[in-house]
Amino acid sequence: MKKIQTNGLLLKNTSSKWIPLGGPAGNINGQIFINPKYLIAPFGGADAGFSIYNEDGWKNINTIGNKNLPICYSSAVDPMDGAIWLTSSDGLLKYTPDKGTMEQASPSAFKGIYSNIQFSSDGTLWTLLEGQGILQRQNNIWMKKNIISVNE
């Protein structure tokens, strides 16, 4: 039987590039983040960790060092330093790709479930703390913005 060699997917714009086949290690049930450098795909659901797609192809991250990652739900990249932030079953996580390190980044004053995360172009982090409001992190200072419900 003759073995057929495949190159992957062809990405063609102003130049051609082969993207190797492969992909996330689990189903993507989380909120994906995309910028010109990355595609960040939290597995969500019952699968722990997340996948990153960049010019090197797919990288699945389920552990950092000897520590298993929690279930991750939402992702965003800080435009100021390139750190990847994730909401997870363990709170907010900050992953530094250049160092390969993960740290717990939840503010100690605010407990609960973080379900979404976004950054403003100036590096201000916004995250939803379910049932409590929106948190804003600007210049390393956390502030809570209450959500007012309107009864009709």
Protein backbone atom coordinates (compact mmCIF):
# COMPACT_ATOMS: atom_id res chain seq x y z
CA MET A 1 0.00 0.00 0.00
CA LYS A 2 1.36 3.40 -0.96
CA LYS A 3 1.54 5.97 1.83
CA ILE A 4 0.14 9.37 0.88
CA GLN A 5 1.89 12.39 2.35
CA THR A 6 -0.28 15.34 3.36
CA ASN A 7 0.93 18.84 4.02
CA GLY A 8 -2.11 20.08 5.94
CA LEU A 9 -4.27 23.04 4.98
CA LEU A 10 -3.09 25.68 2.54
CA LEU A 11 -3.43 29.28 3.75
CA LYS A 12 -3.14 31.64 0.82
CA ASN A 13 -3.32 35.40 0.97
CA THR A 14 -0.41 37.43 -0.39
CA SER A 15 1.78 34.36 0.14
CA SER A 16 1.22 30.65 0.64
CA LYS A 17 1.66 28.76 3.91
CA TRP A 18 0.86 25.18 4.87
CA ILE A 19 -0.90 24.78 8.21
CA PRO A 20 -0.30 21.35 9.73
CA LEU A 21 -3.40 19.30 10.46
CA GLY A 22 -4.19 18.70 14.08
CA GLY A 23 -6.07 20.77 16.50
CA PRO A 24 -7.43 21.08 19.98
CA ALA A 25 -7.22 18.03 22.24
CA GLY A 26 -10.86 18.46 23.28
CA ASN A 27 -14.13 19.94 22.09
CA ILE A 28 -14.18 23.71 22.19
CA ASN A 29 -17.07 24.77 24.43
CA GLY A 30 -15.53 27.98 25.75
CA GLN A 31 -15.39 31.52 24.40
CA ILE A 32 -12.68 31.77 21.73
CA PHE A 33 -10.39 34.79 21.48
CA ILE A 34 -8.75 35.78 18.19
CA ASN A 35 -6.20 38.49 17.39
CA PRO A 36 -3.51 38.70 14.67
CA LYS A 37 -1.10 36.62 16.78
CA TYR A 38 -3.28 33.94 18.44
CA LEU A 39 -6.43 31.94 18.47
CA ILE A 40 -7.13 30.91 22.08
CA ALA A 41 -9.69 28.13 22.52
CA PRO A 42 -10.76 27.15 26.06
CA PHE A 43 -12.19 23.63 26.12
CA GLY A 44 -14.98 24.49 28.61
CA GLY A 45 -17.54 21.76 29.23
CA ALA A 46 -15.88 18.92 31.15
CA ASP A 47 -12.40 19.21 29.57
CA ALA A 48 -9.65 21.03 31.45
CA GLY A 49 -7.23 23.41 29.75
CA PHE A 50 -7.15 25.24 26.44
CA SER A 51 -5.53 25.28 23.01
CA ILE A 52 -3.52 27.98 21.29
CA TYR A 53 -3.18 28.30 17.55
CA ASN A 54 -0.42 30.54 16.17
CA GLU A 55 2.17 30.48 13.38
CA ASP A 56 3.67 27.31 14.90
CA GLY A 57 0.36 25.42 14.70
CA TRP A 58 -1.79 24.04 17.54
CA LYS A 59 -0.55 23.68 21.12
CA ASN A 60 -2.74 21.99 23.72
CA ILE A 61 -2.20 23.09 27.32
CA ASN A 62 -3.66 20.85 30.02
CA THR A 63 -0.89 21.12 32.61
CA ILE A 64 1.67 23.71 33.64
CA GLY A 65 4.63 22.12 35.39
CA ASN A 66 3.12 19.29 37.41
CA LYS A 67 -0.21 21.04 37.99
CA ASN A 68 -3.35 20.10 36.06
CA LEU A 69 -5.28 23.07 34.75
CA PRO A 70 -8.93 23.62 35.69
CA ILE A 71 -11.81 23.84 33.24
CA CYS A 72 -11.42 27.12 31.32
CA TYR A 73 -14.41 29.02 29.95
CA SER A 74 -13.41 32.34 28.40
CA SER A 75 -10.16 33.82 27.08
CA ALA A 76 -8.60 37.16 26.18
CA VAL A 77 -5.12 38.54 25.53
CA ASP A 78 -3.80 41.63 27.31
CA PRO A 79 -2.83 44.03 24.49
CA MET A 80 -0.12 45.58 26.67
CA ASP A 81 1.98 42.52 27.58
CA GLY A 82 0.56 39.64 25.51
CA ALA A 83 -0.44 37.61 28.58
CA ILE A 84 -3.35 35.21 28.06
CA TRP A 85 -6.12 35.54 30.65
CA LEU A 86 -8.72 32.84 31.23
CA THR A 87 -11.83 32.50 33.33
CA SER A 88 -11.93 29.06 34.90
CA SER A 89 -13.49 26.86 37.54
CA ASP A 90 -10.66 28.15 39.81
CA GLY A 91 -11.21 31.87 39.10
CA LEU A 92 -9.06 34.08 36.88
CA LEU A 93 -5.83 32.69 35.48
CA LYS A 94 -2.97 34.52 33.78
CA TYR A 95 -0.77 32.54 31.38
CA THR A 96 2.51 34.05 30.16
CA PRO A 97 3.36 32.23 26.91
CA ASP A 98 6.99 33.41 26.72
CA LYS A 99 7.71 31.96 30.17
CA GLY A 100 5.23 29.08 30.07
CA THR A 101 3.91 30.09 33.51
CA MET A 102 0.39 30.21 34.91
CA GLU A 103 -0.67 32.18 37.96
CA GLN A 104 -3.88 32.64 39.89
CA ALA A 105 -4.96 36.20 39.17
CA SER A 106 -8.33 36.51 40.92
CA PRO A 107 -8.57 39.50 43.24
CA SER A 108 -8.92 38.24 46.82
CA ALA A 109 -11.67 40.76 47.60
CA PHE A 110 -14.02 39.34 44.97
CA LYS A 111 -15.17 35.72 45.24
CA GLY A 112 -17.44 33.97 42.78
CA ILE A 113 -17.69 32.62 39.27
CA TYR A 114 -15.95 34.60 36.54
CA SER A 115 -17.74 33.86 33.29
CA ASN A 116 -16.42 36.28 30.67
CA ILE A 117 -13.30 38.37 30.09
CA GLN A 118 -12.34 41.15 27.67
CA PHE A 119 -9.67 43.85 27.38
CA SER A 120 -9.96 47.44 26.22
CA SER A 121 -7.26 48.63 23.81
CA ASP A 122 -5.57 50.46 26.71
CA GLY A 123 -5.11 47.20 28.65
CA THR A 124 -8.09 47.62 30.99
CA LEU A 125 -9.47 44.19 31.91
CA TRP A 126 -13.22 43.68 32.18
CA THR A 127 -14.74 40.49 33.60
CA LEU A 128 -18.20 39.40 34.65
CA LEU A 129 -18.52 38.12 38.21
CA GLU A 130 -21.80 36.24 38.01
CA GLY A 131 -24.58 37.59 40.20
CA GLN A 132 -22.38 40.41 41.51
CA GLY A 133 -21.48 42.72 38.64
CA ILE A 134 -18.64 43.61 36.34
CA LEU A 135 -15.07 43.93 37.59
CA GLN A 136 -12.61 46.31 36.05
CA ARG A 137 -8.83 46.07 36.47
CA GLN A 138 -6.96 49.20 35.48
CA ASN A 139 -3.35 49.92 36.53
CA ASN A 140 -3.50 46.83 38.82
CA ILE A 141 -6.48 48.29 40.74
CA TRP A 142 -9.72 46.25 40.82
CA MET A 143 -13.07 48.06 40.91
CA LYS A 144 -16.57 46.58 40.94
CA LYS A 145 -19.22 48.04 38.66
CA ASN A 146 -22.69 47.06 39.85
CA ILE A 147 -25.29 45.98 37.36
CA ILE A 148 -28.62 47.67 37.91
CA SER A 149 -31.68 45.65 36.99
CA VAL A 150 -34.64 47.52 35.60
CA ASN A 151 -38.11 46.18 36.32
CA GLU A 152 -40.66 47.01 33.68
